[in-house]
Amino acid sequence: MTYYKKKEIILLDYEKLAKEYDFWNLSNIEFSKDETKLLYSVDTKGNESFKLYCKDIKSEKTIQIKG
């Protein structure tokens, strides 16, 4: 039998992303159909005004789409 070690991949580091805010709420996490991008929304004020982000999983680059 051959055993493979699985490498842990952190797609979103919640603590790192939230550290500069007094309030931070992550919501609506979705993968693209081809599973190359991770879409998520964040509320940083507690007023349910979310900003939408898209992270390219391979390059690890994140862009803000809306908000």
Protein backbone atom coordinates (compact mmCIF):
# COMPACT_ATOMS: atom_id res chain seq x y z
CA MET A 1 0.00 0.00 0.00
CA THR A 2 1.07 3.53 -0.74
CA TYR A 3 0.20 6.32 1.63
CA TYR A 4 0.24 9.97 0.70
CA LYS A 5 0.52 12.82 3.13
CA LYS A 6 -2.09 15.47 2.55
CA LYS A 7 -0.84 19.01 2.54
CA GLU A 8 -3.02 21.46 4.46
CA ILE A 9 -4.08 24.43 2.40
CA ILE A 10 -5.46 27.53 4.10
CA LEU A 11 -7.78 29.23 1.66
CA LEU A 12 -8.79 32.08 3.97
CA ASP A 13 -6.91 33.06 7.10
CA TYR A 14 -9.79 34.48 9.14
CA GLU A 15 -7.61 35.85 11.94
CA LYS A 16 -5.19 37.54 9.56
CA LEU A 17 -7.98 39.14 7.51
CA ALA A 18 -9.93 40.30 10.58
CA LYS A 19 -7.08 41.60 12.76
CA GLU A 20 -7.33 45.27 11.77
CA TYR A 21 -11.09 45.52 12.37
CA ASP A 22 -13.17 45.77 15.55
CA PHE A 23 -15.94 43.90 13.73
CA TRP A 24 -15.50 41.38 10.93
CA ASN A 25 -18.11 38.96 9.59
CA LEU A 26 -17.36 36.45 6.84
CA SER A 27 -20.36 35.28 4.84
CA ASN A 28 -21.48 33.64 1.58
CA ILE A 29 -18.43 31.51 0.82
CA GLU A 30 -18.65 29.88 -2.63
CA PHE A 31 -16.30 28.22 -5.09
CA SER A 32 -16.48 28.96 -8.81
CA LYS A 33 -17.82 26.13 -10.96
CA ASP A 34 -14.30 25.25 -12.11
CA GLU A 35 -13.07 25.45 -8.48
CA THR A 36 -10.25 27.88 -9.32
CA LYS A 37 -11.69 30.85 -7.45
CA LEU A 38 -13.16 31.43 -4.02
CA LEU A 39 -15.84 34.08 -3.67
CA TYR A 40 -16.78 35.48 -0.28
CA SER A 41 -18.31 38.54 1.32
CA VAL A 42 -17.23 40.49 4.38
CA ASP A 43 -19.00 42.99 6.64
CA THR A 44 -16.50 45.13 8.60
CA LYS A 45 -18.93 47.55 10.24
CA GLY A 46 -21.79 45.42 11.51
CA ASN A 47 -24.34 47.17 9.32
CA GLU A 48 -24.75 44.24 6.91
CA SER A 49 -23.11 46.22 4.12
CA PHE A 50 -20.97 43.45 2.64
CA LYS A 51 -17.97 43.76 0.33
CA LEU A 52 -17.58 40.95 -2.21
CA TYR A 53 -14.15 39.45 -2.88
CA CYS A 54 -12.75 36.94 -5.34
CA LYS A 55 -9.59 34.98 -4.55
CA ASP A 56 -7.72 33.09 -7.26
CA ILE A 57 -6.74 29.89 -5.47
CA LYS A 58 -3.66 29.17 -7.59
CA SER A 59 -2.10 32.65 -7.52
CA GLU A 60 -3.54 33.53 -4.07
CA LYS A 61 -4.42 37.01 -5.36
CA THR A 62 -7.62 38.57 -4.04
CA ILE A 63 -9.60 41.37 -5.62
CA GLN A 64 -12.58 43.29 -4.31
CA ILE A 65 -15.48 42.98 -6.71
CA LYS A 66 -18.16 45.07 -5.05
CA GLY A 67 -18.60 47.23 -2.00
